[in-house]
Every structure is written in structure tokens, then in C-alpha cells.
Amino acid sequence: MAARKPDENPTTTEGAPPAAAVRTQEYAAGTGWDVGQVAPDDAFRALDAAGSGEVTGPVVHTHPGGYARQIVVKGGLITAGVKRELDAAESDEG
């Protein structure tokens, strides 16, 4: 049996031109408070004035004065940690 040359075998990819690369479509994440979205506003939460570092009060969108923790900046990516902190603040309020 005679050996075939690579270009004679239709199942081989040797000598074939490279496959076309298809670029994935990129979409904006959108604006909102869900993971993967862009924060529409700053989010802060006041800290205990006694200096214990405990969070207190609701999430606000301007610095509450005194001690506060900034959860996310306007235009920042909402990560799982940010979402967890926002949800925790919401559950503390109710």
C-alpha cells in the first residue's frame, strides 16, 4: 500500500490554511446594582462613631460624614463582594 501525501488526504489539516478567527462580541455590562454591572452612583455606609468599625445605618450615595466605608464608586464594577455588602445592608434595615 502506497503512503499518501498530506494534501491527498482530505481528513488531514496539514497544509490547510488556518481557520478564520472569530472575534467575540463585546457588550457593555449595563448600569445597575447586580454583579457584573457598573455602579450608577457611589455607595457608602456609616461606621460606628465609637470607633469599633461596625457598620451602621443604610447605604447612602453621598458621604454621611464622620466615619464611613465606601462600598463602591460610581462607574465601578459590582463584584460579588460589593453585592454581598449591599445585600447585608439591606437586610440590616428591614
PDB file of N, CA and C in Angstrom:
ATOM      1  N   MET A   1       0.844  -1.166   0.000  1.00  0.00           N
ATOM      2  CA  MET A   1       0.000   0.000   0.000  1.00  0.00           C
ATOM      3  C   MET A   1       0.895   1.236   0.000  1.00  0.00           C
ATOM      4  N   ALA A   2       0.610   2.146  -0.858  1.00  0.00           N
ATOM      5  CA  ALA A   2       1.418   3.351  -1.015  1.00  0.00           C
ATOM      6  C   ALA A   2       1.007   4.396   0.010  1.00  0.00           C
ATOM      7  N   ALA A   3       1.966   5.108   0.534  1.00  0.00           N
ATOM      8  CA  ALA A   3       1.682   6.181   1.500  1.00  0.00           C
ATOM      9  C   ALA A   3       1.136   7.389   0.749  1.00  0.00           C
ATOM     10  N   ARG A   4       0.160   8.021   1.328  1.00  0.00           N
ATOM     11  CA  ARG A   4      -0.419   9.213   0.717  1.00  0.00           C
ATOM     12  C   ARG A   4       0.324  10.447   1.185  1.00  0.00           C
ATOM     13  N   LYS A   5       0.327  11.437   0.357  1.00  0.00           N
ATOM     14  CA  LYS A   5       0.874  12.730   0.738  1.00  0.00           C
ATOM     15  C   LYS A   5      -0.194  13.458   1.554  1.00  0.00           C
ATOM     16  N   PRO A   6       0.208  14.325   2.475  1.00  0.00           N
ATOM     17  CA  PRO A   6      -0.780  15.011   3.321  1.00  0.00           C
ATOM     18  C   PRO A   6      -1.860  15.748   2.533  1.00  0.00           C
ATOM     19  N   ASP A   7      -1.510  16.358   1.402  1.00  0.00           N
ATOM     20  CA  ASP A   7      -2.523  17.115   0.659  1.00  0.00           C
ATOM     21  C   ASP A   7      -3.479  16.203  -0.106  1.00  0.00           C
ATOM     22  N   GLU A   8      -3.200  14.915  -0.170  1.00  0.00           N
ATOM     23  CA  GLU A   8      -4.095  13.979  -0.837  1.00  0.00           C
ATOM     24  C   GLU A   8      -5.131  13.408   0.126  1.00  0.00           C
ATOM     25  N   ASN A   9      -4.908  13.557   1.412  1.00  0.00           N
ATOM     26  CA  ASN A   9      -5.818  13.018   2.418  1.00  0.00           C
ATOM     27  C   ASN A   9      -6.776  14.136   2.857  1.00  0.00           C
ATOM     28  N   PRO A  10      -8.045  14.030   2.555  1.00  0.00           N
ATOM     29  CA  PRO A  10      -8.981  15.118   2.876  1.00  0.00           C
ATOM     30  C   PRO A  10      -9.222  15.309   4.375  1.00  0.00           C
ATOM     31  N   THR A  11      -8.848  14.344   5.207  1.00  0.00           N
ATOM     32  CA  THR A  11      -9.112  14.480   6.638  1.00  0.00           C
ATOM     33  C   THR A  11      -7.972  15.146   7.394  1.00  0.00           C
ATOM     34  N   THR A  12      -6.849  15.380   6.770  1.00  0.00           N
ATOM     35  CA  THR A  12      -5.724  15.997   7.458  1.00  0.00           C
ATOM     36  C   THR A  12      -5.800  17.511   7.338  1.00  0.00           C
ATOM     37  N   THR A  13      -5.229  18.201   8.326  1.00  0.00           N
ATOM     38  CA  THR A  13      -5.234  19.668   8.296  1.00  0.00           C
ATOM     39  C   THR A  13      -3.874  20.219   7.917  1.00  0.00           C
ATOM     40  N   GLU A  14      -2.908  19.345   7.698  1.00  0.00           N
ATOM     41  CA  GLU A  14      -1.585  19.815   7.307  1.00  0.00           C
ATOM     42  C   GLU A  14      -1.674  20.488   5.944  1.00  0.00           C
ATOM     43  N   GLY A  15      -1.039  21.605   5.822  1.00  0.00           N
ATOM     44  CA  GLY A  15      -1.028  22.320   4.556  1.00  0.00           C
ATOM     45  C   GLY A  15      -2.293  23.137   4.321  1.00  0.00           C
ATOM     46  N   ALA A  16      -3.296  22.975   5.178  1.00  0.00           N
ATOM     47  CA  ALA A  16      -4.540  23.730   5.020  1.00  0.00           C
ATOM     48  C   ALA A  16      -4.341  25.134   5.590  1.00  0.00           C
ATOM     49  N   PRO A  17      -5.010  26.125   5.039  1.00  0.00           N
ATOM     50  CA  PRO A  17      -4.892  27.477   5.594  1.00  0.00           C
ATOM     51  C   PRO A  17      -5.498  27.499   7.002  1.00  0.00           C
ATOM     52  N   PRO A  18      -5.016  28.372   7.867  1.00  0.00           N
ATOM     53  CA  PRO A  18      -5.567  28.422   9.227  1.00  0.00           C
ATOM     54  C   PRO A  18      -7.040  28.828   9.196  1.00  0.00           C
ATOM     55  N   ALA A  19      -7.776  28.316  10.162  1.00  0.00           N
ATOM     56  CA  ALA A  19      -9.198  28.659  10.271  1.00  0.00           C
ATOM     57  C   ALA A  19      -9.330  30.145  10.608  1.00  0.00           C
ATOM     58  N   ALA A  20     -10.381  30.742  10.156  1.00  0.00           N
ATOM     59  CA  ALA A  20     -10.606  32.163  10.436  1.00  0.00           C
ATOM     60  C   ALA A  20     -10.879  32.353  11.918  1.00  0.00           C
ATOM     61  N   ALA A  21     -10.282  33.358  12.483  1.00  0.00           N
ATOM     62  CA  ALA A  21     -10.518  33.680  13.892  1.00  0.00           C
ATOM     63  C   ALA A  21     -11.756  34.556  13.971  1.00  0.00           C
ATOM     64  N   VAL A  22     -12.674  34.175  14.818  1.00  0.00           N
ATOM     65  CA  VAL A  22     -13.894  34.952  15.001  1.00  0.00           C
ATOM     66  C   VAL A  22     -13.784  35.674  16.328  1.00  0.00           C
ATOM     67  N   ARG A  23     -13.881  36.964  16.271  1.00  0.00           N
ATOM     68  CA  ARG A  23     -13.793  37.770  17.484  1.00  0.00           C
ATOM     69  C   ARG A  23     -15.125  37.751  18.196  1.00  0.00           C
ATOM     70  N   THR A  24     -15.103  37.562  19.514  1.00  0.00           N
ATOM     71  CA  THR A  24     -16.349  37.560  20.260  1.00  0.00           C
ATOM     72  C   THR A  24     -16.898  38.971  20.356  1.00  0.00           C
ATOM     73  N   GLN A  25     -18.187  39.077  20.402  1.00  0.00           N
ATOM     74  CA  GLN A  25     -18.838  40.379  20.515  1.00  0.00           C
ATOM     75  C   GLN A  25     -18.725  40.855  21.952  1.00  0.00           C
ATOM     76  N   GLU A  26     -18.369  42.095  22.138  1.00  0.00           N
ATOM     77  CA  GLU A  26     -18.266  42.657  23.471  1.00  0.00           C
ATOM     78  C   GLU A  26     -19.454  43.577  23.713  1.00  0.00           C
ATOM     79  N   TYR A  27     -20.087  43.383  24.850  1.00  0.00           N
ATOM     80  CA  TYR A  27     -21.247  44.193  25.209  1.00  0.00           C
ATOM     81  C   TYR A  27     -20.960  44.918  26.509  1.00  0.00           C
ATOM     82  N   ALA A  28     -21.499  46.097  26.632  1.00  0.00           N
ATOM     83  CA  ALA A  28     -21.368  46.830  27.887  1.00  0.00           C
ATOM     84  C   ALA A  28     -22.149  46.078  28.959  1.00  0.00           C
ATOM     85  N   ALA A  29     -21.641  46.098  30.171  1.00  0.00           N
ATOM     86  CA  ALA A  29     -22.266  45.355  31.266  1.00  0.00           C
ATOM     87  C   ALA A  29     -23.596  45.956  31.690  1.00  0.00           C
ATOM     88  N   GLY A  30     -23.830  47.185  31.375  1.00  0.00           N
ATOM     89  CA  GLY A  30     -25.063  47.834  31.813  1.00  0.00           C
ATOM     90  C   GLY A  30     -24.835  48.512  33.153  1.00  0.00           C
ATOM     91  N   THR A  31     -25.785  49.313  33.538  1.00  0.00           N
ATOM     92  CA  THR A  31     -25.689  50.052  34.787  1.00  0.00           C
ATOM     93  C   THR A  31     -26.709  49.513  35.762  1.00  0.00           C
ATOM     94  N   GLY A  32     -26.285  49.279  36.978  1.00  0.00           N
ATOM     95  CA  GLY A  32     -27.199  48.775  37.995  1.00  0.00           C
ATOM     96  C   GLY A  32     -26.434  48.244  39.190  1.00  0.00           C
ATOM     97  N   TRP A  33     -27.141  47.562  40.061  1.00  0.00           N
ATOM     98  CA  TRP A  33     -26.556  47.077  41.301  1.00  0.00           C
ATOM     99  C   TRP A  33     -26.383  45.562  41.305  1.00  0.00           C
ATOM    100  N   ASP A  34     -26.408  44.914  40.153  1.00  0.00           N
ATOM    101  CA  ASP A  34     -26.193  43.471  40.074  1.00  0.00           C
ATOM    102  C   ASP A  34     -24.744  43.170  39.729  1.00  0.00           C
ATOM    103  N   VAL A  35     -24.275  41.981  40.103  1.00  0.00           N
ATOM    104  CA  VAL A  35     -22.895  41.570  39.835  1.00  0.00           C
ATOM    105  C   VAL A  35     -22.609  41.681  38.343  1.00  0.00           C
ATOM    106  N   GLY A  36     -21.467  42.286  38.015  1.00  0.00           N
ATOM    107  CA  GLY A  36     -21.051  42.455  36.630  1.00  0.00           C
ATOM    108  C   GLY A  36     -21.494  43.759  36.011  1.00  0.00           C
ATOM    109  N   GLN A  37     -22.347  44.500  36.698  1.00  0.00           N
ATOM    110  CA  GLN A  37     -22.804  45.777  36.161  1.00  0.00           C
ATOM    111  C   GLN A  37     -21.938  46.913  36.689  1.00  0.00           C
ATOM    112  N   VAL A  38     -22.146  48.094  36.133  1.00  0.00           N
ATOM    113  CA  VAL A  38     -21.424  49.295  36.530  1.00  0.00           C
ATOM    114  C   VAL A  38     -22.294  50.059  37.529  1.00  0.00           C
ATOM    115  N   ALA A  39     -21.683  50.450  38.652  1.00  0.00           N
ATOM    116  CA  ALA A  39     -22.419  51.157  39.701  1.00  0.00           C
ATOM    117  C   ALA A  39     -22.917  52.505  39.191  1.00  0.00           C
ATOM    118  N   PRO A  40     -24.214  52.781  39.344  1.00  0.00           N
ATOM    119  CA  PRO A  40     -24.759  54.053  38.877  1.00  0.00           C
ATOM    120  C   PRO A  40     -24.416  55.230  39.791  1.00  0.00           C
ATOM    121  N   ASP A  41     -23.941  54.942  41.001  1.00  0.00           N
ATOM    122  CA  ASP A  41     -23.657  56.001  41.959  1.00  0.00           C
ATOM    123  C   ASP A  41     -22.677  55.479  43.005  1.00  0.00           C
ATOM    124  N   ASP A  42     -22.092  56.374  43.776  1.00  0.00           N
ATOM    125  CA  ASP A  42     -21.265  55.958  44.902  1.00  0.00           C
ATOM    126  C   ASP A  42     -22.157  55.267  45.935  1.00  0.00           C
ATOM    127  N   ALA A  43     -21.564  54.407  46.740  1.00  0.00           N
ATOM    128  CA  ALA A  43     -22.305  53.782  47.834  1.00  0.00           C
ATOM    129  C   ALA A  43     -21.421  53.795  49.076  1.00  0.00           C
ATOM    130  N   PHE A  44     -21.952  54.370  50.139  1.00  0.00           N
ATOM    131  CA  PHE A  44     -21.256  54.471  51.420  1.00  0.00           C
ATOM    132  C   PHE A  44     -22.119  53.849  52.504  1.00  0.00           C
ATOM    133  N   ARG A  45     -21.459  53.477  53.579  1.00  0.00           N
ATOM    134  CA  ARG A  45     -22.186  53.028  54.759  1.00  0.00           C
ATOM    135  C   ARG A  45     -21.449  53.591  55.976  1.00  0.00           C
ATOM    136  N   ALA A  46     -22.196  54.233  56.872  1.00  0.00           N
ATOM    137  CA  ALA A  46     -21.607  54.854  58.056  1.00  0.00           C
ATOM    138  C   ALA A  46     -21.025  53.788  58.976  1.00  0.00           C
ATOM    139  N   LEU A  47     -19.948  54.162  59.667  1.00  0.00           N
ATOM    140  CA  LEU A  47     -19.333  53.290  60.670  1.00  0.00           C
ATOM    141  C   LEU A  47     -19.660  53.823  62.056  1.00  0.00           C
ATOM    142  N   ASP A  48     -19.634  52.951  63.027  1.00  0.00           N
ATOM    143  CA  ASP A  48     -19.917  53.279  64.419  1.00  0.00           C
ATOM    144  C   ASP A  48     -19.007  54.420  64.889  1.00  0.00           C
ATOM    145  N   ALA A  49     -19.598  55.428  65.473  1.00  0.00           N
ATOM    146  CA  ALA A  49     -18.831  56.586  65.944  1.00  0.00           C
ATOM    147  C   ALA A  49     -17.931  56.234  67.116  1.00  0.00           C
ATOM    148  N   ALA A  50     -18.194  55.134  67.809  1.00  0.00           N
ATOM    149  CA  ALA A  50     -17.383  54.730  68.959  1.00  0.00           C
ATOM    150  C   ALA A  50     -16.013  54.210  68.532  1.00  0.00           C
ATOM    151  N   GLY A  51     -15.829  54.007  67.229  1.00  0.00           N
ATOM    152  CA  GLY A  51     -14.537  53.559  66.732  1.00  0.00           C
ATOM    153  C   GLY A  51     -14.376  52.052  66.657  1.00  0.00           C
ATOM    154  N   SER A  52     -15.466  51.325  66.840  1.00  0.00           N
ATOM    155  CA  SER A  52     -15.378  49.858  66.783  1.00  0.00           C
ATOM    156  C   SER A  52     -15.279  49.345  65.350  1.00  0.00           C
ATOM    157  N   GLY A  53     -15.634  50.178  64.374  1.00  0.00           N
ATOM    158  CA  GLY A  53     -15.573  49.768  62.970  1.00  0.00           C
ATOM    159  C   GLY A  53     -16.812  49.042  62.497  1.00  0.00           C
ATOM    160  N   GLU A  54     -17.815  48.935  63.362  1.00  0.00           N
ATOM    161  CA  GLU A  54     -19.067  48.286  62.970  1.00  0.00           C
ATOM    162  C   GLU A  54     -19.860  49.201  62.046  1.00  0.00           C
ATOM    163  N   VAL A  55     -20.425  48.606  60.995  1.00  0.00           N
ATOM    164  CA  VAL A  55     -21.245  49.402  60.083  1.00  0.00           C
ATOM    165  C   VAL A  55     -22.589  49.659  60.725  1.00  0.00           C
ATOM    166  N   THR A  56     -23.139  50.804  60.397  1.00  0.00           N
ATOM    167  CA  THR A  56     -24.428  51.164  60.959  1.00  0.00           C
ATOM    168  C   THR A  56     -25.202  51.990  59.937  1.00  0.00           C
ATOM    169  N   GLY A  57     -26.482  51.880  59.969  1.00  0.00           N
ATOM    170  CA  GLY A  57     -27.317  52.675  59.087  1.00  0.00           C
ATOM    171  C   GLY A  57     -27.398  52.106  57.674  1.00  0.00           C
ATOM    172  N   PRO A  58     -28.162  52.789  56.844  1.00  0.00           N
ATOM    173  CA  PRO A  58     -28.389  52.326  55.480  1.00  0.00           C
ATOM    174  C   PRO A  58     -27.236  52.677  54.533  1.00  0.00           C
ATOM    175  N   VAL A  59     -27.299  52.157  53.342  1.00  0.00           N
ATOM    176  CA  VAL A  59     -26.378  52.550  52.279  1.00  0.00           C
ATOM    177  C   VAL A  59     -26.849  53.909  51.781  1.00  0.00           C
ATOM    178  N   VAL A  60     -25.904  54.843  51.683  1.00  0.00           N
ATOM    179  CA  VAL A  60     -26.225  56.180  51.176  1.00  0.00           C
ATOM    180  C   VAL A  60     -25.307  56.471  50.002  1.00  0.00           C
ATOM    181  N   HIS A  61     -25.676  57.452  49.205  1.00  0.00           N
ATOM    182  CA  HIS A  61     -24.943  57.728  47.977  1.00  0.00           C
ATOM    183  C   HIS A  61     -24.080  58.979  48.039  1.00  0.00           C
ATOM    184  N   THR A  62     -24.039  59.634  49.197  1.00  0.00           N
ATOM    185  CA  THR A  62     -23.083  60.702  49.456  1.00  0.00           C
ATOM    186  C   THR A  62     -22.455  60.398  50.810  1.00  0.00           C
ATOM    187  N   HIS A  63     -21.251  60.860  51.033  1.00  0.00           N
ATOM    188  CA  HIS A  63     -20.554  60.554  52.286  1.00  0.00           C
ATOM    189  C   HIS A  63     -21.393  61.043  53.465  1.00  0.00           C
ATOM    190  N   PRO A  64     -21.669  60.159  54.414  1.00  0.00           N
ATOM    191  CA  PRO A  64     -22.549  60.536  55.526  1.00  0.00           C
ATOM    192  C   PRO A  64     -21.875  61.408  56.581  1.00  0.00           C
ATOM    193  N   GLY A  65     -20.603  61.695  56.430  1.00  0.00           N
ATOM    194  CA  GLY A  65     -19.883  62.469  57.439  1.00  0.00           C
ATOM    195  C   GLY A  65     -19.358  61.529  58.520  1.00  0.00           C
ATOM    196  N   GLY A  66     -18.379  61.974  59.239  1.00  0.00           N
ATOM    197  CA  GLY A  66     -17.794  61.122  60.274  1.00  0.00           C
ATOM    198  C   GLY A  66     -17.068  59.940  59.638  1.00  0.00           C
ATOM    199  N   TYR A  67     -17.144  58.801  60.280  1.00  0.00           N
ATOM    200  CA  TYR A  67     -16.503  57.599  59.756  1.00  0.00           C
ATOM    201  C   TYR A  67     -17.463  56.873  58.825  1.00  0.00           C
ATOM    202  N   ALA A  68     -16.954  56.468  57.685  1.00  0.00           N
ATOM    203  CA  ALA A  68     -17.792  55.742  56.740  1.00  0.00           C
ATOM    204  C   ALA A  68     -16.922  54.854  55.876  1.00  0.00           C
ATOM    205  N   ARG A  69     -17.524  53.812  55.368  1.00  0.00           N
ATOM    206  CA  ARG A  69     -16.836  52.910  54.439  1.00  0.00           C
ATOM    207  C   ARG A  69     -17.454  53.125  53.059  1.00  0.00           C
ATOM    208  N   GLN A  70     -16.586  53.310  52.062  1.00  0.00           N
ATOM    209  CA  GLN A  70     -17.088  53.412  50.704  1.00  0.00           C
ATOM    210  C   GLN A  70     -17.149  52.005  50.131  1.00  0.00           C
ATOM    211  N   ILE A  71     -18.326  51.579  49.736  1.00  0.00           N
ATOM    212  CA  ILE A  71     -18.533  50.231  49.230  1.00  0.00           C
ATOM    213  C   ILE A  71     -18.130  50.142  47.765  1.00  0.00           C
ATOM    214  N   VAL A  72     -18.533  51.130  46.979  1.00  0.00           N
ATOM    215  CA  VAL A  72     -18.210  51.153  45.550  1.00  0.00           C
ATOM    216  C   VAL A  72     -18.276  52.596  45.059  1.00  0.00           C
ATOM    217  N   VAL A  73     -17.476  52.902  44.052  1.00  0.00           N
ATOM    218  CA  VAL A  73     -17.508  54.236  43.453  1.00  0.00           C
ATOM    219  C   VAL A  73     -18.391  54.224  42.212  1.00  0.00           C
ATOM    220  N   LYS A  74     -18.911  55.370  41.870  1.00  0.00           N
ATOM    221  CA  LYS A  74     -19.727  55.497  40.665  1.00  0.00           C
ATOM    222  C   LYS A  74     -18.890  55.059  39.463  1.00  0.00           C
ATOM    223  N   GLY A  75     -19.424  54.173  38.650  1.00  0.00           N
ATOM    224  CA  GLY A  75     -18.718  53.673  37.478  1.00  0.00           C
ATOM    225  C   GLY A  75     -17.881  52.440  37.772  1.00  0.00           C
ATOM    226  N   GLY A  76     -17.800  52.044  39.045  1.00  0.00           N
ATOM    227  CA  GLY A  76     -17.037  50.857  39.427  1.00  0.00           C
ATOM    228  C   GLY A  76     -17.817  49.587  39.143  1.00  0.00           C
ATOM    229  N   LEU A  77     -17.094  48.492  39.019  1.00  0.00           N
ATOM    230  CA  LEU A  77     -17.715  47.198  38.746  1.00  0.00           C
ATOM    231  C   LEU A  77     -18.334  46.624  40.011  1.00  0.00           C
ATOM    232  N   ILE A  78     -19.552  46.147  39.906  1.00  0.00           N
ATOM    233  CA  ILE A  78     -20.211  45.479  41.027  1.00  0.00           C
ATOM    234  C   ILE A  78     -19.695  44.052  41.069  1.00  0.00           C
ATOM    235  N   THR A  79     -18.913  43.741  42.092  1.00  0.00           N
ATOM    236  CA  THR A  79     -18.370  42.395  42.264  1.00  0.00           C
ATOM    237  C   THR A  79     -19.253  41.625  43.240  1.00  0.00           C
ATOM    238  N   ALA A  80     -18.943  40.364  43.423  1.00  0.00           N
ATOM    239  CA  ALA A  80     -19.704  39.539  44.366  1.00  0.00           C
ATOM    240  C   ALA A  80     -19.586  40.109  45.781  1.00  0.00           C
ATOM    241  N   GLY A  81     -18.399  40.606  46.157  1.00  0.00           N
ATOM    242  CA  GLY A  81     -18.205  41.181  47.488  1.00  0.00           C
ATOM    243  C   GLY A  81     -19.014  42.450  47.689  1.00  0.00           C
ATOM    244  N   VAL A  82     -19.056  43.301  46.676  1.00  0.00           N
ATOM    245  CA  VAL A  82     -19.855  44.526  46.749  1.00  0.00           C
ATOM    246  C   VAL A  82     -21.329  44.167  46.880  1.00  0.00           C
ATOM    247  N   LYS A  83     -21.791  43.237  46.080  1.00  0.00           N
ATOM    248  CA  LYS A  83     -23.196  42.825  46.117  1.00  0.00           C
ATOM    249  C   LYS A  83     -23.548  42.259  47.487  1.00  0.00           C
ATOM    250  N   ARG A  84     -22.626  41.458  48.051  1.00  0.00           N
ATOM    251  CA  ARG A  84     -22.849  40.871  49.378  1.00  0.00           C
ATOM    252  C   ARG A  84     -22.998  41.971  50.428  1.00  0.00           C
ATOM    253  N   GLU A  85     -22.141  42.985  50.351  1.00  0.00           N
ATOM    254  CA  GLU A  85     -22.211  44.076  51.324  1.00  0.00           C
ATOM    255  C   GLU A  85     -23.481  44.910  51.148  1.00  0.00           C
ATOM    256  N   LEU A  86     -23.886  45.152  49.913  1.00  0.00           N
ATOM    257  CA  LEU A  86     -25.128  45.884  49.674  1.00  0.00           C
ATOM    258  C   LEU A  86     -26.332  45.091  50.185  1.00  0.00           C
ATOM    259  N   ASP A  87     -26.332  43.793  49.940  1.00  0.00           N
ATOM    260  CA  ASP A  87     -27.431  42.949  50.412  1.00  0.00           C
ATOM    261  C   ASP A  87     -27.473  42.877  51.930  1.00  0.00           C
ATOM    262  N   ALA A  88     -26.291  42.824  52.550  1.00  0.00           N
ATOM    263  CA  ALA A  88     -26.226  42.785  54.020  1.00  0.00           C
ATOM    264  C   ALA A  88     -26.799  44.064  54.617  1.00  0.00           C
ATOM    265  N   ALA A  89     -26.494  45.204  54.002  1.00  0.00           N
ATOM    266  CA  ALA A  89     -27.010  46.480  54.483  1.00  0.00           C
ATOM    267  C   ALA A  89     -28.529  46.518  54.348  1.00  0.00           C
ATOM    268  N   GLU A  90     -29.022  45.976  53.236  1.00  0.00           N
ATOM    269  CA  GLU A  90     -30.465  45.955  53.009  1.00  0.00           C
ATOM    270  C   GLU A  90     -31.162  45.073  54.041  1.00  0.00           C
ATOM    271  N   SER A  91     -30.568  43.932  54.378  1.00  0.00           N
ATOM    272  CA  SER A  91     -31.189  43.033  55.346  1.00  0.00           C
ATOM    273  C   SER A  91     -31.112  43.609  56.748  1.00  0.00           C
ATOM    274  N   ASP A  92     -30.097  44.431  57.050  1.00  0.00           N
ATOM    275  CA  ASP A  92     -29.991  45.069  58.362  1.00  0.00           C
ATOM    276  C   ASP A  92     -31.077  46.126  58.551  1.00  0.00           C
ATOM    277  N   GLU A  93     -31.500  46.742  57.451  1.00  0.00           N
ATOM    278  CA  GLU A  93     -32.509  47.807  57.525  1.00  0.00           C
ATOM    279  C   GLU A  93     -33.886  47.259  57.836  1.00  0.00           C
ATOM    280  N   GLY A  94     -34.194  46.072  57.290  1.00  0.00           N
ATOM    281  CA  GLY A  94     -35.551  45.535  57.425  1.00  0.00           C
ATOM    282  C   GLY A  94     -35.664  44.695  58.602  1.00  0.00           C
TER     283      GLY A  94
END
